[in-house]
Protein backbone atom coordinates (compact mmCIF):
# COMPACT_ATOMS: atom_id res chain seq x y z
CA MET A 1 67.06 61.82 108.85
CA VAL A 2 68.01 65.26 109.01
CA HIS A 3 71.82 66.43 109.75
CA LEU A 4 71.90 69.50 111.96
CA VAL A 5 75.70 70.06 111.69
CA ALA A 6 77.10 70.46 107.69
CA GLU A 7 80.13 70.12 106.61
CA ALA A 8 82.35 73.03 105.16
CA THR A 9 83.64 72.57 101.41
CA GLU A 10 86.97 73.68 100.50
CA THR A 11 86.35 76.53 99.19
CA GLN A 12 84.40 77.95 102.36
CA LEU A 13 87.51 76.89 104.42
CA TRP A 14 89.77 78.60 102.33
CA ALA A 15 87.89 81.85 102.46
CA ARG A 16 88.21 81.75 106.39
CA VAL A 17 91.80 81.25 106.28
CA ALA A 18 91.53 84.55 103.54
CA GLY A 19 89.87 85.88 106.03
CA ILE A 20 92.20 85.32 109.10
CA VAL A 21 95.44 86.02 106.74
CA MET A 22 93.27 89.74 106.00
CA SER A 23 92.39 90.44 109.46
CA ALA A 24 95.84 89.38 110.72
CA LEU A 25 97.51 91.92 108.24
CA GLY A 26 95.04 94.65 109.14
CA TRP A 27 95.67 94.49 112.74
CA PHE A 28 99.11 94.54 112.14
CA LEU A 29 99.22 97.55 109.85
CA LEU A 30 96.46 99.44 112.43
CA ILE A 31 99.78 98.36 115.11
CA VAL A 32 101.76 100.47 112.64
CA ALA A 33 99.34 103.48 112.27
CA LEU A 34 100.06 103.83 116.39
CA LEU A 35 103.84 104.23 115.69
CA VAL A 36 103.08 107.28 113.43
CA PRO A 37 102.41 109.97 116.42
CA LYS A 38 106.52 109.40 117.73
CA ALA A 39 107.63 109.78 113.68
CA VAL A 40 105.96 112.81 113.19
CA ARG A 41 106.81 114.57 116.62
CA GLU A 42 110.75 113.73 115.51
CA GLU A 43 110.00 115.20 112.48
CA ARG A 44 108.65 118.43 113.60
CA GLU A 45 111.40 118.53 116.16
CA ASP A 46 114.15 118.21 113.61
CA GLY A 47 112.19 121.28 111.35
CA ASN A 48 110.84 118.99 108.61
CA LEU A 49 107.49 120.15 108.22
CA GLU A 50 106.90 118.74 104.46
CA ALA A 51 108.42 115.55 105.84
CA ALA A 52 105.91 115.46 108.86
CA SER A 53 103.08 116.28 106.79
CA LYS A 54 103.90 113.36 104.66
CA VAL A 55 104.77 111.34 107.38
CA ARG A 56 101.00 111.83 109.21
CA ARG A 57 99.42 111.82 105.76
CA ASN A 58 100.71 107.89 105.06
CA GLY A 59 99.94 107.33 108.79
CA LEU A 60 96.08 108.04 107.82
CA ILE A 61 96.22 105.83 104.49
CA VAL A 62 98.08 102.53 106.85
CA ALA A 63 95.47 103.13 109.34
CA GLY A 64 92.55 103.60 106.78
CA LEU A 65 94.07 100.22 105.14
CA GLY A 66 94.11 98.79 107.75
CA CYS A 67 90.73 99.25 109.12
CA LEU A 68 89.31 98.02 105.86
CA LEU A 69 91.45 94.68 105.91
CA SER A 70 90.62 93.80 109.22
CA GLY A 71 86.55 94.45 108.45
CA GLY A 72 86.98 92.50 105.33
CA GLY A 73 88.61 89.97 106.89
CA ALA A 74 86.53 89.64 109.39
CA ALA A 75 83.19 89.82 106.78
CA LEU A 76 85.10 87.26 104.72
CA TYR A 77 85.36 84.65 107.90
CA PHE A 78 81.92 85.18 108.89
CA ALA A 79 80.45 85.01 105.35
CA ASN A 80 80.07 81.48 105.44
């Protein structure tokens, strides 16, 4: 008799949990990256152009990490 529904192993379940956690962390970082333009604007208004460029660069790094984490988490979740 052939069973069409396979049971997931413990490793597969942990991989899915890790995928969910990674995706959640990635989305959190993307939300944080949405706040960066306001901080850059405030720094420019105060005349801190060097600080504004550092904040902008860090915002781009955070956005990149958020994309990588959310994509990697989704790939890990659906890889099973």
